[in-house]
Amino acid sequence: METKKRPVSVLVVLHDGAGQALLLERADRAGFWQSVTGSLEAGETPFAAALRETAEETGIVLPPHRLHDWQHSVEYEIYPHWRHRYPAGVCRNTEHWFSAVVARDTPLVLSEHTAFAWLDAAAAAQRASSPSNQDALRRLADSVCHFETPPFTAVK
């Protein structure tokens, strides 16, 4: 029996601290580009989910002190083509935002994605498929330093 997802998730914007953001193309939906995302597991905090999802989707194991919690969340309607993953009647999700600085040459191990691209944050916002991801990337483009505490020490 398939376990249904909780309608609470994380969005983790990985960037290089100099205006470039990482986007991933979903394996199950060609042309759907996104930052690291994922639903919380039972009993899991958004912070723990952000660390777990980053490791699962990219192979990057972030030290907890490198993950920046934006203290921001959005609620949005779940795309109809993904509602079957949630309990019956669930159509809205709450997404918590995080970011981390990583070096662009950090090796990636993709698990749920087929491709990645480092793009200027404004260009990444245009390519990102979900409105909330676009918004987070636009905010990053407007003020890289606003979401990280200098100095920008890359995680390898």
N, C-alpha and C. Protein backbone atom coordinates (compact mmCIF):
# COMPACT_ATOMS: atom_id res chain seq x y z
N MET A 1 0.84 -1.18 0.00
CA MET A 1 0.00 0.00 0.00
C MET A 1 0.89 1.25 0.00
N GLU A 2 0.61 2.14 -0.89
CA GLU A 2 1.39 3.37 -1.03
C GLU A 2 1.04 4.36 0.09
N THR A 3 2.07 4.92 0.72
CA THR A 3 1.86 5.92 1.75
C THR A 3 1.61 7.26 1.08
N LYS A 4 0.56 7.93 1.49
CA LYS A 4 0.23 9.23 0.92
C LYS A 4 1.12 10.31 1.51
N LYS A 5 1.42 11.31 0.71
CA LYS A 5 2.28 12.42 1.15
C LYS A 5 1.53 13.35 2.08
N ARG A 6 2.29 13.98 2.97
CA ARG A 6 1.74 15.04 3.81
C ARG A 6 1.72 16.32 2.98
N PRO A 7 0.72 17.16 3.14
CA PRO A 7 0.67 18.41 2.38
C PRO A 7 1.50 19.53 3.03
N VAL A 8 2.70 19.17 3.44
CA VAL A 8 3.66 20.12 4.00
C VAL A 8 5.00 19.76 3.37
N SER A 9 5.66 20.77 2.78
CA SER A 9 6.90 20.49 2.05
C SER A 9 7.94 21.57 2.28
N VAL A 10 9.11 21.32 1.69
CA VAL A 10 10.21 22.28 1.74
C VAL A 10 10.65 22.62 0.32
N LEU A 11 11.17 23.82 0.18
CA LEU A 11 11.83 24.28 -1.03
C LEU A 11 13.22 24.73 -0.58
N VAL A 12 14.26 24.18 -1.20
CA VAL A 12 15.63 24.52 -0.84
C VAL A 12 16.32 25.09 -2.08
N VAL A 13 16.62 26.38 -2.04
CA VAL A 13 17.31 27.03 -3.14
C VAL A 13 18.81 26.92 -2.88
N LEU A 14 19.49 26.15 -3.71
CA LEU A 14 20.94 26.05 -3.62
C LEU A 14 21.53 27.07 -4.57
N HIS A 15 22.49 27.84 -4.07
CA HIS A 15 23.11 28.87 -4.89
C HIS A 15 24.56 29.02 -4.52
N ASP A 16 25.30 29.74 -5.36
CA ASP A 16 26.75 29.85 -5.16
C ASP A 16 27.16 31.09 -4.36
N GLY A 17 26.21 31.88 -3.90
CA GLY A 17 26.51 33.09 -3.14
C GLY A 17 26.91 34.25 -4.02
N ALA A 18 26.95 34.04 -5.33
CA ALA A 18 27.35 35.09 -6.27
C ALA A 18 26.30 35.27 -7.37
N GLY A 19 25.06 34.87 -7.10
CA GLY A 19 23.98 35.12 -8.04
C GLY A 19 23.57 33.95 -8.92
N GLN A 20 24.26 32.82 -8.83
CA GLN A 20 23.91 31.64 -9.63
C GLN A 20 23.13 30.65 -8.77
N ALA A 21 22.04 30.13 -9.31
CA ALA A 21 21.20 29.17 -8.59
C ALA A 21 21.15 27.84 -9.34
N LEU A 22 21.01 26.77 -8.60
CA LEU A 22 20.94 25.43 -9.17
C LEU A 22 19.49 25.05 -9.43
N LEU A 23 19.21 24.58 -10.63
CA LEU A 23 17.89 24.02 -10.96
C LEU A 23 18.06 22.58 -11.39
N LEU A 24 17.03 21.78 -11.12
CA LEU A 24 17.02 20.36 -11.44
C LEU A 24 15.81 20.06 -12.31
N GLU A 25 15.98 19.20 -13.32
CA GLU A 25 14.86 18.80 -14.17
C GLU A 25 14.32 17.46 -13.69
N ARG A 26 13.03 17.41 -13.41
CA ARG A 26 12.40 16.21 -12.87
C ARG A 26 12.48 15.05 -13.85
N ALA A 27 12.75 13.87 -13.33
CA ALA A 27 12.78 12.67 -14.16
C ALA A 27 11.38 12.25 -14.60
N ASP A 28 10.37 12.49 -13.75
CA ASP A 28 9.01 12.06 -14.06
C ASP A 28 8.20 13.08 -14.84
N ARG A 29 8.82 14.22 -15.19
CA ARG A 29 8.10 15.25 -15.92
C ARG A 29 9.11 16.10 -16.68
N ALA A 30 9.44 15.68 -17.88
CA ALA A 30 10.43 16.39 -18.70
C ALA A 30 10.03 17.85 -18.86
N GLY A 31 11.03 18.72 -18.75
CA GLY A 31 10.78 20.15 -18.89
C GLY A 31 10.33 20.84 -17.61
N PHE A 32 10.15 20.08 -16.52
CA PHE A 32 9.75 20.67 -15.24
C PHE A 32 11.02 20.89 -14.43
N TRP A 33 11.40 22.16 -14.30
CA TRP A 33 12.62 22.56 -13.60
C TRP A 33 12.27 23.10 -12.22
N GLN A 34 13.11 22.76 -11.25
CA GLN A 34 12.83 23.18 -9.88
C GLN A 34 14.10 23.18 -9.04
N SER A 35 13.99 23.82 -7.90
CA SER A 35 15.01 23.70 -6.86
C SER A 35 14.74 22.40 -6.12
N VAL A 36 15.51 22.10 -5.11
CA VAL A 36 15.26 20.92 -4.28
C VAL A 36 13.91 21.10 -3.60
N THR A 37 13.08 20.08 -3.64
CA THR A 37 11.76 20.12 -2.99
C THR A 37 11.44 18.75 -2.41
N GLY A 38 10.51 18.72 -1.50
CA GLY A 38 10.04 17.45 -1.00
C GLY A 38 9.12 17.59 0.19
N SER A 39 8.31 16.59 0.39
CA SER A 39 7.34 16.57 1.49
C SER A 39 7.98 16.09 2.79
N LEU A 40 7.45 16.59 3.88
CA LEU A 40 7.91 16.15 5.20
C LEU A 40 7.42 14.73 5.46
N GLU A 41 8.27 13.95 6.12
CA GLU A 41 7.88 12.62 6.56
C GLU A 41 7.25 12.74 7.94
N ALA A 42 6.59 11.70 8.37
CA ALA A 42 5.93 11.70 9.68
C ALA A 42 6.91 12.07 10.78
N GLY A 43 6.53 13.05 11.61
CA GLY A 43 7.35 13.46 12.74
C GLY A 43 8.56 14.32 12.39
N GLU A 44 8.72 14.66 11.14
CA GLU A 44 9.89 15.41 10.69
C GLU A 44 9.63 16.92 10.70
N THR A 45 10.63 17.69 11.07
CA THR A 45 10.53 19.14 11.02
C THR A 45 10.88 19.62 9.61
N PRO A 46 10.43 20.82 9.23
CA PRO A 46 10.83 21.36 7.93
C PRO A 46 12.36 21.45 7.78
N PHE A 47 13.07 21.84 8.84
CA PHE A 47 14.53 21.96 8.78
C PHE A 47 15.16 20.60 8.47
N ALA A 48 14.73 19.57 9.18
CA ALA A 48 15.26 18.22 8.95
C ALA A 48 14.92 17.74 7.54
N ALA A 49 13.71 18.03 7.08
CA ALA A 49 13.30 17.63 5.72
C ALA A 49 14.16 18.33 4.67
N ALA A 50 14.49 19.60 4.90
CA ALA A 50 15.32 20.34 3.94
C ALA A 50 16.71 19.70 3.82
N LEU A 51 17.29 19.32 4.94
CA LEU A 51 18.59 18.65 4.91
C LEU A 51 18.48 17.29 4.20
N ARG A 52 17.45 16.52 4.55
CA ARG A 52 17.26 15.20 3.97
C ARG A 52 17.03 15.29 2.46
N GLU A 53 16.13 16.16 2.05
CA GLU A 53 15.81 16.28 0.62
C GLU A 53 17.02 16.74 -0.19
N THR A 54 17.80 17.65 0.36
CA THR A 54 19.01 18.10 -0.35
C THR A 54 19.95 16.92 -0.58
N ALA A 55 20.15 16.12 0.45
CA ALA A 55 21.03 14.95 0.33
C ALA A 55 20.45 13.93 -0.66
N GLU A 56 19.15 13.66 -0.55
CA GLU A 56 18.53 12.67 -1.43
C GLU A 56 18.56 13.09 -2.90
N GLU A 57 18.26 14.35 -3.16
CA GLU A 57 18.11 14.79 -4.55
C GLU A 57 19.40 15.21 -5.22
N THR A 58 20.42 15.58 -4.44
CA THR A 58 21.66 16.09 -5.05
C THR A 58 22.90 15.34 -4.60
N GLY A 59 22.80 14.59 -3.52
CA GLY A 59 23.98 13.95 -2.95
C GLY A 59 24.78 14.87 -2.06
N ILE A 60 24.35 16.11 -1.91
CA ILE A 60 25.06 17.09 -1.07
C ILE A 60 24.56 16.96 0.36
N VAL A 61 25.46 16.62 1.26
CA VAL A 61 25.13 16.52 2.68
C VAL A 61 25.55 17.84 3.32
N LEU A 62 24.56 18.66 3.62
CA LEU A 62 24.83 19.97 4.21
C LEU A 62 25.01 19.87 5.71
N PRO A 63 26.05 20.50 6.25
CA PRO A 63 26.09 20.64 7.71
C PRO A 63 24.91 21.53 8.12
N PRO A 64 24.23 21.20 9.20
CA PRO A 64 23.04 21.99 9.58
C PRO A 64 23.29 23.49 9.67
N HIS A 65 24.48 23.92 10.09
CA HIS A 65 24.73 25.36 10.23
C HIS A 65 24.81 26.07 8.88
N ARG A 66 24.90 25.34 7.78
CA ARG A 66 24.96 25.94 6.44
C ARG A 66 23.59 26.13 5.82
N LEU A 67 22.55 25.53 6.41
CA LEU A 67 21.20 25.65 5.88
C LEU A 67 20.55 26.90 6.47
N HIS A 68 20.10 27.78 5.60
CA HIS A 68 19.47 29.03 6.05
C HIS A 68 17.95 28.89 5.97
N ASP A 69 17.28 29.06 7.10
CA ASP A 69 15.83 29.01 7.17
C ASP A 69 15.30 30.42 6.91
N TRP A 70 14.56 30.60 5.84
CA TRP A 70 14.05 31.93 5.47
C TRP A 70 12.93 32.39 6.40
N GLN A 71 12.45 31.48 7.27
CA GLN A 71 11.33 31.81 8.15
C GLN A 71 10.15 32.32 7.32
N HIS A 72 9.93 31.63 6.21
CA HIS A 72 8.89 32.02 5.26
C HIS A 72 8.22 30.75 4.75
N SER A 73 6.91 30.79 4.62
CA SER A 73 6.19 29.67 4.01
C SER A 73 5.07 30.23 3.14
N VAL A 74 4.69 29.44 2.17
CA VAL A 74 3.59 29.81 1.28
C VAL A 74 2.63 28.62 1.21
N GLU A 75 1.39 28.92 0.93
CA GLU A 75 0.41 27.88 0.69
C GLU A 75 -0.02 27.99 -0.76
N TYR A 76 -0.09 26.84 -1.43
CA TYR A 76 -0.49 26.87 -2.83
C TYR A 76 -1.34 25.65 -3.16
N GLU A 77 -2.02 25.73 -4.29
CA GLU A 77 -2.83 24.61 -4.76
C GLU A 77 -1.91 23.56 -5.39
N ILE A 78 -2.11 22.31 -5.01
CA ILE A 78 -1.33 21.21 -5.56
C ILE A 78 -1.80 20.99 -7.00
N TYR A 79 -0.84 20.86 -7.92
CA TYR A 79 -1.19 20.60 -9.32
C TYR A 79 -2.09 19.37 -9.40
N PRO A 80 -3.16 19.43 -10.19
CA PRO A 80 -4.07 18.29 -10.29
C PRO A 80 -3.37 16.96 -10.64
N HIS A 81 -2.34 17.01 -11.49
CA HIS A 81 -1.67 15.76 -11.90
C HIS A 81 -0.84 15.14 -10.77
N TRP A 82 -0.69 15.83 -9.64
CA TRP A 82 0.04 15.26 -8.51
C TRP A 82 -0.84 15.03 -7.29
N ARG A 83 -2.12 15.32 -7.35
CA ARG A 83 -3.00 15.18 -6.19
C ARG A 83 -3.19 13.73 -5.76
N HIS A 84 -3.01 12.78 -6.68
CA HIS A 84 -3.17 11.36 -6.32
C HIS A 84 -2.14 10.91 -5.29
N ARG A 85 -1.08 11.69 -5.10
CA ARG A 85 -0.03 11.36 -4.14
C ARG A 85 -0.44 11.70 -2.70
N TYR A 86 -1.53 12.45 -2.55
CA TYR A 86 -1.98 12.95 -1.24
C TYR A 86 -3.28 12.26 -0.83
N PRO A 87 -3.63 12.34 0.45
CA PRO A 87 -4.91 11.77 0.88
C PRO A 87 -6.07 12.40 0.11
N ALA A 88 -7.14 11.67 -0.04
CA ALA A 88 -8.33 12.14 -0.75
C ALA A 88 -8.79 13.49 -0.19
N GLY A 89 -9.11 14.39 -1.08
CA GLY A 89 -9.63 15.70 -0.69
C GLY A 89 -8.57 16.75 -0.43
N VAL A 90 -7.31 16.37 -0.36
CA VAL A 90 -6.23 17.34 -0.11
C VAL A 90 -5.87 18.00 -1.44
N CYS A 91 -5.94 19.32 -1.46
CA CYS A 91 -5.61 20.04 -2.70
C CYS A 91 -4.69 21.24 -2.45
N ARG A 92 -4.29 21.45 -1.19
CA ARG A 92 -3.40 22.57 -0.88
C ARG A 92 -2.19 22.07 -0.10
N ASN A 93 -1.07 22.75 -0.28
CA ASN A 93 0.19 22.38 0.36
C ASN A 93 0.81 23.63 0.99
N THR A 94 1.48 23.45 2.12
CA THR A 94 2.25 24.53 2.75
C THR A 94 3.72 24.21 2.52
N GLU A 95 4.44 25.17 1.93
CA GLU A 95 5.85 25.00 1.58
C GLU A 95 6.72 25.95 2.39
N HIS A 96 7.75 25.40 3.04
CA HIS A 96 8.70 26.17 3.85
C HIS A 96 9.98 26.38 3.04
N TRP A 97 10.52 27.62 3.07
CA TRP A 97 11.65 27.98 2.22
C TRP A 97 12.98 27.99 2.98
N PHE A 98 14.00 27.45 2.32
CA PHE A 98 15.37 27.38 2.83
C PHE A 98 16.33 27.67 1.69
N SER A 99 17.58 27.93 2.04
CA SER A 99 18.63 28.06 1.02
C SER A 99 19.96 27.66 1.63
N ALA A 100 20.92 27.44 0.74
CA ALA A 100 22.29 27.14 1.17
C ALA A 100 23.23 27.52 0.04
N VAL A 101 24.40 27.97 0.43
CA VAL A 101 25.45 28.27 -0.53
C VAL A 101 26.26 27.00 -0.75
N VAL A 102 26.45 26.64 -2.00
CA VAL A 102 27.30 25.50 -2.36
C VAL A 102 28.19 25.91 -3.52
N ALA A 103 29.36 25.35 -3.58
CA ALA A 103 30.27 25.64 -4.70
C ALA A 103 29.70 25.03 -5.97
N ARG A 104 29.81 25.76 -7.08
CA ARG A 104 29.27 25.28 -8.35
C ARG A 104 29.96 24.00 -8.83
N ASP A 105 31.18 23.76 -8.37
CA ASP A 105 31.87 22.54 -8.81
C ASP A 105 31.64 21.35 -7.86
N THR A 106 30.73 21.51 -6.92
CA THR A 106 30.38 20.40 -6.03
C THR A 106 29.76 19.28 -6.86
N PRO A 107 30.29 18.07 -6.77
CA PRO A 107 29.70 16.96 -7.53
C PRO A 107 28.26 16.71 -7.09
N LEU A 108 27.40 16.46 -8.07
CA LEU A 108 26.00 16.16 -7.79
C LEU A 108 25.71 14.71 -8.13
N VAL A 109 24.87 14.09 -7.31
CA VAL A 109 24.38 12.74 -7.57
C VAL A 109 22.87 12.87 -7.63
N LEU A 110 22.33 12.87 -8.85
CA LEU A 110 20.90 13.07 -9.05
C LEU A 110 20.16 11.75 -8.85
N SER A 111 19.02 11.82 -8.15
CA SER A 111 18.23 10.61 -7.93
C SER A 111 16.83 10.73 -8.54
N GLU A 112 16.22 11.90 -8.43
CA GLU A 112 14.85 12.11 -8.91
C GLU A 112 14.83 13.05 -10.12
N HIS A 113 16.01 13.36 -10.62
CA HIS A 113 16.13 14.33 -11.70
C HIS A 113 17.07 13.79 -12.77
N THR A 114 16.92 14.31 -13.98
CA THR A 114 17.74 13.83 -15.09
C THR A 114 18.80 14.84 -15.52
N ALA A 115 18.65 16.09 -15.11
CA ALA A 115 19.59 17.12 -15.53
C ALA A 115 19.63 18.22 -14.48
N PHE A 116 20.70 19.01 -14.54
CA PHE A 116 20.81 20.18 -13.67
C PHE A 116 21.42 21.31 -14.46
N ALA A 117 21.19 22.53 -13.97
CA ALA A 117 21.77 23.71 -14.60
C ALA A 117 22.01 24.77 -13.54
N TRP A 118 23.17 25.41 -13.63
CA TRP A 118 23.46 26.58 -12.81
C TRP A 118 23.12 27.78 -13.67
N LEU A 119 22.22 28.62 -13.19
CA LEU A 119 21.78 29.78 -13.95
C LEU A 119 21.79 31.02 -13.06
N ASP A 120 21.95 32.17 -13.70
CA ASP A 120 21.73 33.42 -13.00
C ASP A 120 20.36 33.30 -12.32
N ALA A 121 20.24 33.77 -11.09
CA ALA A 121 19.00 33.58 -10.33
C ALA A 121 17.77 34.11 -11.07
N ALA A 122 17.91 35.23 -11.78
CA ALA A 122 16.77 35.78 -12.53
C ALA A 122 16.39 34.84 -13.67
N ALA A 123 17.38 34.28 -14.35
CA ALA A 123 17.10 33.33 -15.43
C ALA A 123 16.52 32.03 -14.86
N ALA A 124 17.01 31.62 -13.70
CA ALA A 124 16.48 30.43 -13.04
C ALA A 124 15.01 30.65 -12.68
N ALA A 125 14.67 31.86 -12.24
CA ALA A 125 13.27 32.17 -11.91
C ALA A 125 12.39 32.03 -13.14
N GLN A 126 12.91 32.41 -14.29
CA GLN A 126 12.12 32.29 -15.53
C GLN A 126 11.95 30.82 -15.94
N ARG A 127 12.95 29.99 -15.67
CA ARG A 127 12.89 28.58 -16.07
C ARG A 127 12.12 27.73 -15.08
N ALA A 128 12.12 28.10 -13.81
CA ALA A 128 11.45 27.29 -12.78
C ALA A 128 9.98 27.12 -13.13
N SER A 129 9.48 25.92 -12.89
CA SER A 129 8.12 25.59 -13.31
C SER A 129 7.03 25.99 -12.33
N SER A 130 7.33 26.07 -11.04
CA SER A 130 6.28 26.41 -10.09
C SER A 130 6.36 27.88 -9.69
N PRO A 131 5.20 28.50 -9.50
CA PRO A 131 5.17 29.91 -9.11
C PRO A 131 5.91 30.21 -7.80
N SER A 132 5.81 29.32 -6.81
CA SER A 132 6.50 29.59 -5.54
C SER A 132 8.01 29.53 -5.73
N ASN A 133 8.49 28.59 -6.53
CA ASN A 133 9.92 28.49 -6.81
C ASN A 133 10.39 29.72 -7.58
N GLN A 134 9.59 30.18 -8.52
CA GLN A 134 9.92 31.40 -9.26
C GLN A 134 10.05 32.58 -8.30
N ASP A 135 9.12 32.69 -7.37
CA ASP A 135 9.15 33.79 -6.40
C ASP A 135 10.41 33.73 -5.54
N ALA A 136 10.75 32.55 -5.04
CA ALA A 136 11.95 32.41 -4.20
C ALA A 136 13.20 32.80 -4.99
N LEU A 137 13.29 32.37 -6.23
CA LEU A 137 14.45 32.69 -7.04
C LEU A 137 14.52 34.18 -7.38
N ARG A 138 13.37 34.80 -7.61
CA ARG A 138 13.36 36.26 -7.84
C ARG A 138 13.84 37.00 -6.60
N ARG A 139 13.41 36.54 -5.43
CA ARG A 139 13.88 37.16 -4.18
C ARG A 139 15.38 36.99 -4.02
N LEU A 140 15.88 35.83 -4.38
CA LEU A 140 17.32 35.59 -4.33
C LEU A 140 18.04 36.52 -5.31
N ALA A 141 17.50 36.66 -6.51
CA ALA A 141 18.11 37.53 -7.52
C ALA A 141 18.15 38.98 -7.05
N ASP A 142 17.13 39.40 -6.32
CA ASP A 142 17.06 40.78 -5.84
C ASP A 142 18.08 41.05 -4.74
N SER A 143 18.41 40.02 -3.96
CA SER A 143 19.32 40.26 -2.84
C SER A 143 19.95 38.97 -2.36
N VAL A 144 21.02 38.55 -3.01
CA VAL A 144 21.71 37.32 -2.62
C VAL A 144 22.12 37.37 -1.16
N CYS A 145 22.67 38.47 -0.74
CA CYS A 145 23.19 38.57 0.63
C CYS A 145 22.08 38.56 1.68
N HIS A 146 20.88 38.93 1.30
CA HIS A 146 19.78 39.00 2.25
C HIS A 146 19.47 37.62 2.86
N PHE A 147 19.70 36.55 2.12
CA PHE A 147 19.30 35.23 2.57
C PHE A 147 20.44 34.38 3.09
N GLU A 148 21.64 34.90 3.17
CA GLU A 148 22.78 34.17 3.70
C GLU A 148 23.56 35.11 4.61
N THR A 149 24.19 34.56 5.56
CA THR A 149 25.04 35.35 6.44
C THR A 149 26.48 35.27 5.92
N PRO A 150 27.06 36.39 5.48
CA PRO A 150 28.45 36.36 5.01
C PRO A 150 29.38 35.89 6.13
N PRO A 151 30.54 35.34 5.86
CA PRO A 151 31.07 35.17 4.52
C PRO A 151 30.45 33.96 3.83
N PHE A 152 30.47 33.95 2.52
CA PHE A 152 29.90 32.85 1.74
C PHE A 152 30.93 31.74 1.62
N THR A 153 30.95 30.86 2.58
CA THR A 153 31.87 29.73 2.55
C THR A 153 31.17 28.58 1.85
N ALA A 154 31.71 28.13 0.75
CA ALA A 154 31.10 27.07 -0.02
C ALA A 154 31.21 25.74 0.70
N VAL A 155 30.20 24.92 0.57
CA VAL A 155 30.19 23.59 1.14
C VAL A 155 30.59 22.62 0.04
N LYS A 156 31.55 21.76 0.33
CA LYS A 156 31.95 20.74 -0.66
C LYS A 156 31.70 19.37 -0.12
